[in-house]
Protein backbone atom coordinates (compact mmCIF):
# COMPACT_ATOMS: atom_id res chain seq x y z
CA UNK A 1 32.01 5.57 -11.27
CA UNK A 2 28.29 6.16 -10.99
CA UNK A 3 26.68 8.42 -8.46
CA UNK A 4 23.07 7.17 -8.66
CA UNK A 5 21.56 5.45 -5.64
CA UNK A 6 19.69 2.16 -5.98
CA UNK A 7 16.30 1.41 -4.43
CA UNK A 8 15.04 -2.16 -3.93
CA UNK A 9 11.47 -2.83 -2.79
CA UNK A 10 9.37 -5.93 -2.12
CA UNK A 11 5.59 -5.86 -1.98
CA UNK A 12 3.86 -8.82 -0.36
CA UNK A 13 0.52 -9.00 -2.17
CA UNK A 14 -2.50 -11.17 -1.40
CA UNK A 15 -1.16 -14.06 -3.53
CA UNK A 16 2.10 -12.89 -5.09
CA UNK A 17 5.31 -11.02 -4.34
CA UNK A 18 6.58 -8.19 -6.54
CA UNK A 19 10.13 -6.90 -6.45
CA UNK A 20 11.21 -3.55 -7.87
CA UNK A 21 14.51 -1.90 -8.72
CA UNK A 22 14.84 1.85 -9.19
CA UNK A 23 17.53 4.51 -9.24
CA UNK A 24 17.65 7.89 -7.59
CA UNK A 25 19.78 10.63 -9.12
CA UNK A 26 21.60 13.30 -7.10
CA UNK A 27 18.87 15.73 -8.18
CA UNK A 28 16.22 13.46 -6.60
CA UNK A 29 14.63 11.91 -9.71
CA UNK A 30 13.47 8.33 -9.03
CA UNK A 31 13.35 6.10 -12.11
CA UNK A 32 11.86 2.61 -12.11
CA UNK A 33 14.05 0.20 -14.05
CA UNK A 34 12.67 -3.27 -13.32
CA UNK A 35 9.72 -5.18 -11.88
CA UNK A 36 9.83 -8.90 -11.10
CA UNK A 37 6.93 -10.93 -9.71
CA UNK A 38 6.52 -14.40 -8.27
CA UNK A 39 3.12 -16.07 -7.98
CA UNK A 40 2.74 -17.43 -4.44
CA UNK A 41 -0.87 -18.61 -4.46
CA UNK A 42 -0.38 -21.46 -1.97
CA UNK A 43 2.46 -19.91 0.02
CA UNK A 44 1.03 -16.41 0.54
CA UNK A 45 -2.67 -16.32 1.32
CA UNK A 46 -4.62 -13.13 1.92
CA UNK A 47 -1.32 -11.25 2.12
CA UNK A 48 0.13 -13.42 4.92
CA UNK A 49 3.20 -15.60 4.48
CA UNK A 50 2.22 -19.22 5.17
CA UNK A 51 5.19 -21.21 3.89
CA UNK A 52 8.33 -19.43 5.05
CA UNK A 53 10.78 -21.63 3.12
CA UNK A 54 8.94 -21.41 -0.21
CA UNK A 55 8.49 -17.66 0.11
CA UNK A 56 12.18 -17.35 0.91
CA UNK A 57 12.98 -19.20 -2.32
CA UNK A 58 10.66 -16.94 -4.29
CA UNK A 59 12.25 -13.80 -2.85
CA UNK A 60 15.72 -15.17 -3.60
CA UNK A 61 14.71 -15.60 -7.25
CA UNK A 62 13.41 -12.05 -7.35
CA UNK A 63 16.57 -10.62 -5.82
CA UNK A 64 18.79 -12.68 -8.13
CA UNK A 65 16.90 -11.35 -11.14
CA UNK A 66 17.37 -7.80 -9.88
CA UNK A 67 21.06 -8.38 -9.15
CA UNK A 68 21.72 -10.00 -12.53
CA UNK A 69 20.00 -7.13 -14.34
CA UNK A 70 22.68 -4.68 -13.17
CA UNK A 71 25.50 -7.04 -12.14
CA UNK A 72 25.29 -6.11 -8.49
CA UNK A 73 24.44 -7.27 -4.98
CA UNK A 74 21.37 -6.25 -2.97
CA UNK A 75 22.42 -5.22 0.53
CA UNK A 76 19.17 -3.85 1.95
CA UNK A 77 15.57 -3.33 0.89
CA UNK A 78 12.20 -1.88 1.81
CA UNK A 79 9.21 -4.19 2.37
CA UNK A 80 5.51 -3.35 2.10
CA UNK A 81 3.06 -4.99 4.53
CA UNK A 82 -0.62 -5.71 3.90
CA UNK A 83 -2.87 -8.65 4.62
CA UNK A 84 -6.31 -9.79 5.63
CA UNK A 85 -6.03 -8.85 9.31
CA UNK A 86 -4.70 -5.33 8.65
CA UNK A 87 -7.08 -2.65 9.91
CA UNK A 88 -7.31 0.51 11.99
CA UNK A 89 -8.45 0.93 15.59
CA UNK A 90 -9.13 4.34 17.13
CA UNK A 91 -7.21 5.21 20.29
CA UNK A 92 -7.74 8.44 22.20
CA UNK A 93 -6.33 10.17 25.25
CA UNK A 94 -7.98 12.97 27.25
CA UNK A 95 -5.93 15.26 29.46
CA UNK A 96 -6.60 18.23 31.68
CA UNK A 97 -4.33 21.24 31.10
CA UNK A 98 -3.13 24.27 32.97
CA UNK A 99 -5.08 26.94 31.13
CA UNK A 100 -2.47 29.57 32.01
CA UNK A 101 0.23 27.82 29.98
CA UNK A 102 0.49 27.53 26.22
CA UNK A 103 0.36 24.03 24.71
CA UNK A 104 3.80 22.89 23.54
CA UNK A 105 4.85 20.31 20.96
CA UNK A 106 6.29 18.22 23.80
CA UNK A 107 2.84 18.01 25.41
CA UNK A 108 1.31 16.82 22.12
CA UNK A 109 4.09 14.30 21.52
CA UNK A 110 3.72 12.79 24.98
CA UNK A 111 -0.05 12.43 24.63
CA UNK A 112 0.22 10.85 21.16
CA UNK A 113 2.89 8.49 22.45
CA UNK A 114 0.54 7.44 25.27
CA UNK A 115 -2.30 6.91 22.78
CA UNK A 116 -0.03 4.75 20.64
CA UNK A 117 0.75 2.52 23.62
CA UNK A 118 -2.83 1.31 23.89
CA UNK A 119 -3.03 -2.29 22.75
CA UNK A 120 -5.62 -4.32 20.85
CA UNK A 121 -6.03 -7.88 22.09
CA UNK A 122 -4.50 -10.51 19.78
CA UNK A 123 -3.12 -7.84 17.44
CA UNK A 124 0.22 -6.13 16.98
CA UNK A 125 0.46 -2.39 16.34
CA UNK A 126 2.63 -1.83 13.27
CA UNK A 127 1.98 1.86 12.67
CA UNK A 128 0.30 4.87 14.28
CA UNK A 129 -1.46 7.59 12.29
CA UNK A 130 -2.49 10.84 14.04
CA UNK A 131 -6.13 11.66 13.37
CA UNK A 132 -7.68 14.60 15.22
CA UNK A 133 -6.83 16.98 18.08
CA UNK A 134 -9.39 18.82 20.19
CA UNK A 135 -8.59 21.71 22.55
CA UNK A 136 -11.54 22.48 24.84
CA UNK A 137 -13.68 20.30 22.54
CA UNK A 138 -12.78 22.39 19.47
CA UNK A 139 -11.04 20.49 16.69
CA UNK A 140 -7.75 22.04 15.60
CA UNK A 141 -4.75 21.29 13.39
CA UNK A 142 -2.57 23.91 15.14
CA UNK A 143 -2.67 23.08 18.85
CA UNK A 144 0.81 24.35 19.70
CA UNK A 145 0.60 27.86 21.17
CA UNK A 146 -3.07 27.58 22.10
CA UNK A 147 -4.39 27.84 25.65
CA UNK A 148 -7.04 25.56 27.07
CA UNK A 149 -8.17 23.54 30.07
CA UNK A 150 -8.46 20.19 28.26
CA UNK A 151 -7.13 18.35 25.24
CA UNK A 152 -8.21 15.18 23.47
CA UNK A 153 -6.13 13.47 20.81
CA UNK A 154 -7.28 10.62 18.56
CA UNK A 155 -4.92 8.37 16.62
CA UNK A 156 -5.45 5.38 14.36
CA UNK A 157 -3.58 2.30 15.48
CA UNK A 158 -2.78 0.25 12.38
CA UNK A 159 -2.85 -3.32 13.63
CA UNK A 160 -2.51 -6.84 12.24
CA UNK A 161 -2.22 -10.36 13.55
CA UNK A 162 1.32 -10.89 14.92
CA UNK A 163 1.93 -13.68 12.41
CA UNK A 164 1.88 -11.16 9.53
CA UNK A 165 5.06 -9.35 10.53
CA UNK A 166 6.52 -12.29 12.44
CA UNK A 167 6.63 -14.54 9.37
CA UNK A 168 7.99 -11.72 7.25
CA UNK A 169 10.75 -11.22 9.80
CA UNK A 170 11.45 -14.96 9.70
CA UNK A 171 11.67 -14.92 5.92
CA UNK A 172 13.97 -11.92 5.79
CA UNK A 173 16.29 -13.36 8.45
CA UNK A 174 17.08 -16.50 6.44
CA UNK A 175 20.53 -15.54 5.20
CA UNK A 176 19.70 -13.39 2.19
CA UNK A 177 22.78 -11.32 2.86
CA UNK A 178 20.40 -8.36 2.98
CA UNK A 179 18.59 -6.47 5.71
CA UNK A 180 15.17 -4.82 5.80
CA UNK A 181 15.77 -1.10 5.98
CA UNK A 182 12.13 -0.45 6.76
CA UNK A 183 8.67 -2.01 6.71
CA UNK A 184 5.96 0.16 5.15
CA UNK A 185 2.19 -0.25 5.57
CA UNK A 186 1.35 -0.57 1.89
CA UNK A 187 -2.16 1.00 1.78
CA UNK A 188 -0.98 4.03 3.78
CA UNK A 189 1.96 4.63 1.45
CA UNK A 190 -0.22 4.19 -1.63
CA UNK A 191 -2.79 6.64 -0.30
CA UNK A 192 -0.04 9.16 0.42
CA UNK A 193 1.52 8.84 -3.03
CA UNK A 194 -1.47 8.69 -5.39
CA UNK A 195 -4.32 10.55 -3.69
CA UNK A 196 -4.31 14.31 -4.11
CA UNK A 197 -4.57 16.74 -1.21
CA UNK A 198 -8.05 17.73 -2.37
CA UNK A 199 -9.20 14.10 -2.49
CA UNK A 200 -8.04 13.45 1.06
CA UNK A 201 -9.53 16.75 2.21
CA UNK A 202 -12.95 16.50 0.53
CA UNK A 203 -13.37 12.79 1.28
CA UNK A 204 -12.10 9.81 -0.63
CA UNK A 205 -12.16 6.04 -0.42
CA UNK A 206 -9.16 4.18 -1.87
CA UNK A 207 -10.09 0.60 -2.79
CA UNK A 208 -7.38 -1.90 -3.65
CA UNK A 209 -8.91 -5.06 -5.15
CA UNK A 210 -6.28 -7.78 -5.21
CA UNK A 211 -6.47 -11.50 -5.89
CA UNK A 212 -7.73 -12.53 -2.45
CA UNK A 213 -8.27 -9.32 -0.51
CA UNK A 214 -9.73 -5.86 -0.97
CA UNK A 215 -8.30 -3.08 1.17
CA UNK A 216 -10.36 0.02 1.92
CA UNK A 217 -8.83 3.27 3.19
CA UNK A 218 -11.17 6.20 3.88
CA UNK A 219 -9.92 9.80 4.19
CA UNK A 220 -11.71 12.96 5.24
CA UNK A 221 -10.35 16.41 6.19
CA UNK A 222 -6.83 15.24 5.35
CA UNK A 223 -6.97 12.46 7.95
CA UNK A 224 -7.25 8.69 7.75
CA UNK A 225 -10.69 7.82 9.10
CA UNK A 226 -10.79 4.08 8.56
CA UNK A 227 -8.74 1.19 7.21
CA UNK A 228 -9.93 -2.38 6.69
CA UNK A 229 -9.01 -5.43 4.63
CA UNK A 230 -11.77 -7.69 3.29
CA UNK A 231 -11.20 -11.38 2.38
CA UNK A 232 -12.66 -10.84 -1.10
CA UNK A 233 -10.90 -10.29 -4.42
CA UNK A 234 -10.59 -11.24 -8.06
CA UNK A 235 -9.80 -14.86 -7.30
CA UNK A 236 -13.23 -15.29 -5.67
CA UNK A 237 -14.77 -14.50 -9.06
CA UNK A 238 -12.49 -16.98 -10.81
CA UNK A 239 -13.29 -19.72 -8.30
CA UNK A 240 -17.04 -19.14 -8.72
CA UNK A 241 -16.65 -19.89 -12.43
CA UNK A 242 -14.40 -22.87 -11.63
CA UNK A 243 -16.85 -24.40 -9.15
CA UNK A 244 -20.02 -23.48 -11.02
CA UNK A 245 -18.80 -24.77 -14.38
CA UNK A 246 -16.64 -27.64 -13.09
CA UNK A 247 -13.41 -26.55 -14.76
CA UNK A 248 -9.83 -25.96 -13.64
CA UNK A 249 -8.93 -22.56 -12.19
CA UNK A 250 -6.68 -21.79 -15.16
CA UNK A 251 -9.61 -22.32 -17.54
CA UNK A 252 -11.93 -20.21 -15.40
CA UNK A 253 -9.39 -17.36 -15.35
CA UNK A 254 -8.99 -17.55 -19.15
CA UNK A 255 -12.76 -17.40 -19.62
CA UNK A 256 -13.02 -14.41 -17.26
CA UNK A 257 -10.32 -12.49 -19.10
CA UNK A 258 -11.86 -13.10 -22.54
CA UNK A 259 -15.39 -11.85 -21.81
CA UNK A 260 -15.86 -8.41 -23.35
CA UNK A 261 -18.70 -7.27 -21.10
CA UNK A 262 -18.64 -9.58 -18.06
CA UNK A 263 -21.04 -7.56 -15.88
CA UNK A 264 -23.90 -7.75 -18.41
CA UNK A 265 -24.66 -11.48 -18.87
CA UNK A 266 -27.50 -10.82 -21.34
CA UNK A 267 -25.34 -8.90 -23.80
CA UNK A 268 -21.93 -10.60 -23.76
CA UNK A 269 -20.26 -11.79 -26.94
CA UNK A 270 -21.13 -15.47 -27.32
CA UNK A 271 -18.29 -18.00 -27.16
CA UNK A 272 -17.40 -21.33 -25.55
CA UNK A 273 -14.07 -22.26 -23.94
CA UNK A 274 -13.68 -25.88 -22.81
CA UNK A 275 -17.44 -26.22 -22.39
CA UNK A 276 -17.92 -22.94 -20.50
CA UNK A 277 -20.24 -20.46 -22.21
CA UNK A 278 -19.54 -16.76 -21.88
CA UNK A 279 -23.07 -15.98 -20.69
CA UNK A 280 -22.91 -18.60 -17.91
CA UNK A 281 -19.53 -17.33 -16.73
CA UNK A 282 -20.76 -13.73 -16.85
CA UNK A 283 -23.64 -14.58 -14.53
CA UNK A 284 -21.16 -15.77 -11.90
CA UNK A 285 -18.93 -12.74 -12.46
CA UNK A 286 -21.81 -10.29 -12.13
CA UNK A 287 -23.19 -11.87 -8.96
CA UNK A 288 -19.85 -12.03 -7.15
CA UNK A 289 -18.87 -8.52 -8.27
CA UNK A 290 -22.08 -7.12 -6.80
CA UNK A 291 -21.28 -8.89 -3.52
CA UNK A 292 -17.77 -7.40 -3.43
CA UNK A 293 -19.16 -3.92 -4.16
CA UNK A 294 -21.79 -4.31 -1.42
CA UNK A 295 -19.13 -5.30 1.12
CA UNK A 296 -16.93 -2.36 0.13
CA UNK A 297 -19.90 -0.01 0.32
CA UNK A 298 -20.72 -1.31 3.81
CA UNK A 299 -17.36 -0.07 5.09
CA UNK A 300 -18.72 3.47 5.05
CA UNK A 301 -21.23 2.45 7.72
CA UNK A 302 -18.52 0.79 9.79
CA UNK A 303 -16.46 3.99 9.52
CA UNK A 304 -19.47 6.10 10.61
CA UNK A 305 -19.18 8.00 7.34
CA UNK A 306 -22.05 8.86 5.01
CA UNK A 307 -21.89 8.96 1.23
CA UNK A 308 -22.24 12.72 1.47
CA UNK A 309 -18.86 12.75 3.21
CA UNK A 310 -17.16 10.95 0.30
CA UNK A 311 -16.61 12.76 -2.99
CA UNK A 312 -14.76 10.00 -4.85
CA UNK A 313 -13.72 6.36 -4.90
CA UNK A 314 -10.34 5.46 -6.39
CA UNK A 315 -9.85 1.87 -7.58
CA UNK A 316 -6.48 0.13 -7.87
CA UNK A 317 -5.24 -3.46 -7.89
CA UNK A 318 -5.47 -6.25 -10.43
CA UNK A 319 -9.18 -6.78 -9.70
CA UNK A 320 -9.96 -3.19 -10.67
CA UNK A 321 -9.19 -4.06 -14.30
CA UNK A 322 -12.42 -6.05 -14.64
CA UNK A 323 -14.25 -4.38 -17.51
CA UNK A 324 -17.20 -2.30 -16.35
CA UNK A 325 -16.33 -2.50 -12.64
CA UNK A 326 -15.86 1.24 -12.15
CA UNK A 327 -19.20 1.98 -13.83
CA UNK A 328 -21.00 -0.71 -11.81
CA UNK A 329 -19.54 0.56 -8.54
CA UNK A 330 -20.50 4.13 -9.41
CA UNK A 331 -24.08 3.04 -10.10
CA UNK A 332 -24.31 1.11 -6.84
CA UNK A 333 -22.60 3.66 -4.59
CA UNK A 334 -23.76 6.89 -6.27
CA UNK A 335 -20.20 8.21 -5.81
CA UNK A 336 -17.77 9.15 -8.56
CA UNK A 337 -15.37 6.25 -9.26
CA UNK A 338 -12.01 6.51 -11.03
CA UNK A 339 -9.11 4.16 -11.70
CA UNK A 340 -6.00 5.13 -9.75
CA UNK A 341 -2.86 6.02 -11.66
CA UNK A 342 0.82 5.46 -10.77
CA UNK A 343 2.54 8.26 -8.83
CA UNK A 344 3.15 11.12 -11.25
CA UNK A 345 6.57 11.99 -9.85
CA UNK A 346 7.92 8.46 -10.47
CA UNK A 347 9.76 8.16 -13.78
CA UNK A 348 8.46 4.98 -15.47
CA UNK A 349 10.10 4.12 -18.80
CA UNK A 350 8.33 0.80 -19.49
CA UNK A 351 4.61 1.23 -20.20
CA UNK A 352 3.93 -2.36 -19.09
CA UNK A 353 4.40 -1.23 -15.50
CA UNK A 354 1.71 1.47 -15.67
CA UNK A 355 -1.09 -0.87 -14.61
CA UNK A 356 -3.46 -0.64 -11.63
CA UNK A 357 -2.05 -3.92 -10.26
CA UNK A 358 1.38 -2.30 -9.85
CA UNK A 359 0.27 0.96 -8.22
CA UNK A 360 1.13 -0.34 -4.74
CA UNK A 361 4.69 -1.36 -5.51
CA UNK A 362 5.28 1.82 -7.54
CA UNK A 363 4.10 3.88 -4.56
CA UNK A 364 6.46 1.95 -2.28
CA UNK A 365 9.34 2.67 -4.67
CA UNK A 366 8.65 6.39 -4.62
CA UNK A 367 8.26 6.45 -0.83
CA UNK A 368 11.54 4.58 -0.41
CA UNK A 369 13.20 7.06 -2.74
CA UNK A 370 11.95 9.93 -0.61
CA UNK A 371 13.42 8.34 2.51
CA UNK A 372 16.74 7.19 1.06
CA UNK A 373 19.35 9.59 2.37
CA UNK A 374 22.40 10.87 0.44
CA UNK A 375 25.17 8.28 0.54
CA UNK A 376 22.76 5.37 1.08
CA UNK A 377 21.99 2.64 -1.44
CA UNK A 378 20.17 -0.71 -1.52
CA UNK A 379 22.43 -2.30 -4.13
CA UNK A 380 26.17 -2.30 -4.78
CA UNK A 381 27.33 -2.72 -8.38
CA UNK A 382 30.05 -5.33 -8.79
CA UNK A 383 31.89 -3.18 -11.30
CA UNK A 384 31.50 0.07 -9.39
CA UNK A 385 31.53 -0.84 -5.71
CA UNK A 386 29.85 1.28 -3.03
CA UNK A 387 28.69 4.71 -4.08
CA UNK A 388 29.33 6.22 -0.67
CA UNK A 389 32.14 8.68 -0.20
CA UNK A 390 33.49 8.77 -3.74
CA UNK A 391 33.58 11.40 -6.45
CA UNK A 392 31.82 9.36 -9.10
CA UNK A 393 30.45 10.74 -12.33
CA UNK A 394 26.70 10.86 -12.54
CA UNK A 395 25.04 8.29 -14.79
CA UNK A 396 21.34 8.77 -15.34
CA UNK A 397 18.92 6.45 -17.12
CA UNK A 398 17.65 8.41 -20.14
CA UNK A 399 14.00 9.32 -20.41
CA UNK A 400 11.98 8.55 -23.58
CA UNK A 401 12.66 10.93 -26.47
CA UNK A 402 9.20 12.45 -26.37
CA UNK A 403 9.04 12.97 -22.62
CA UNK A 404 10.43 15.74 -20.50
CA UNK A 405 12.65 14.55 -17.64
CA UNK A 406 10.56 14.38 -14.51
CA UNK A 407 11.52 16.70 -11.72
CA UNK A 408 11.26 15.64 -8.10
CA UNK A 409 8.35 17.09 -6.20
CA UNK A 410 9.26 19.85 -3.84
CA UNK A 411 8.30 18.97 -0.31
CA UNK A 412 5.33 21.02 0.77
CA UNK A 413 5.03 22.73 4.11
CA UNK A 414 4.01 20.01 6.51
CA UNK A 415 1.27 20.61 9.03
CA UNK A 416 1.52 19.70 12.69
CA UNK A 417 -0.25 16.35 12.21
CA UNK A 418 2.18 15.43 9.41
CA UNK A 419 5.18 16.28 11.58
CA UNK A 420 3.77 14.13 14.36
CA UNK A 421 3.35 11.29 11.89
CA UNK A 422 7.04 11.49 11.01
CA UNK A 423 7.99 11.31 14.68
CA UNK A 424 5.66 8.36 15.21
CA UNK A 425 7.24 6.53 12.28
CA UNK A 426 10.52 6.81 14.14
CA UNK A 427 8.97 5.37 17.29
CA UNK A 428 7.51 2.43 15.35
CA UNK A 429 10.80 1.52 13.68
CA UNK A 430 12.42 0.14 16.85
CA UNK A 431 14.10 -3.29 16.58
CA UNK A 432 11.70 -6.19 16.20
CA UNK A 433 10.90 -8.35 19.26
CA UNK A 434 12.17 -11.91 19.42
CA UNK A 435 9.82 -14.61 18.17
CA UNK A 436 9.63 -15.99 21.73
CA UNK A 437 7.47 -13.02 22.67
CA UNK A 438 4.68 -14.45 20.52
CA UNK A 439 4.64 -17.87 22.11
């Protein structure tokens, strides 16, 4: 009997849902084995579930595909949350202290908990990210053991419209025979898994350009400074071509994908598809792309961050694959721009999955693998039964002949802010409120 654990993840994108299946070996190696996606253009808009029943059907097809691929049954899964209304709000608490007593971790925990209880009107808090701590107005990452007369703690409340999580909860409660082990905030997990420590320390902006939304996460000094989701994405470009050239969306998308240099209308290869010329389509692509870049660039102002504070911009998402986009953004922003890569510690055997559009779901897989405890699994094989408690033989998926087996990353020494984040994640994973609370 096998000893590998199974990981099942769903990512709710701006217009599609992607399911993933992976295995985790006893030594901690996480290997992706399957990705399945369902287009949900009219049922999921801007990352929010609109049609609960249709989305349920789509998820059931994804889970059936995953189950059939290994002859098993999905019992629980991890779900990534995003969406148009997702953003950060700063919450801070100031306290006077007894300067004769050293600051303890309990003091910090209580203050952060109080900061996390602040509410934002018409929004639900779905995560809390510690940001900065000041003792006697001096910023510090090691407050425990210090003495001072005052302390101020800032956290980022990650909030979204209640309907985002409420409709997801409704979908997942419709008799799948599975349970949601945990909801992840997708952009936070992706930032954690693909950005390096130096990028987060020196200043970095992660930009995820999806079909209908673009999510911006800004980091500085190893802390999340700002998170926002813009209602702009690759589909806006497609619809500009569709409306401007009076063609169906499918035709507009085909034209967009076939232009060799879409951001330079004067020098594109000349061709015509169903009456649409490449140069005319490129003019729409270039104009809308510049608008998207300008809106992304403006987020630095909203975050009270200058371009001198940001050393790099990392692009991911399906929209980031537009030819010439990274170069155009670098020209406009005067900041180094790179295309984000899948997490290095995730073992990916199929090269088709190493695309910018899958970086989010791959990051969620790796994060879920890190959290899955020994003896836990998300899928039970019909021929093997539960993996818990037995003395099964280990069965590992082989790596390609030319690649070395990937070793799990050793957990680094976590700082105080990181440890507080872990505690906060526990606080935020309490049972969901009843739907009646939203009425």
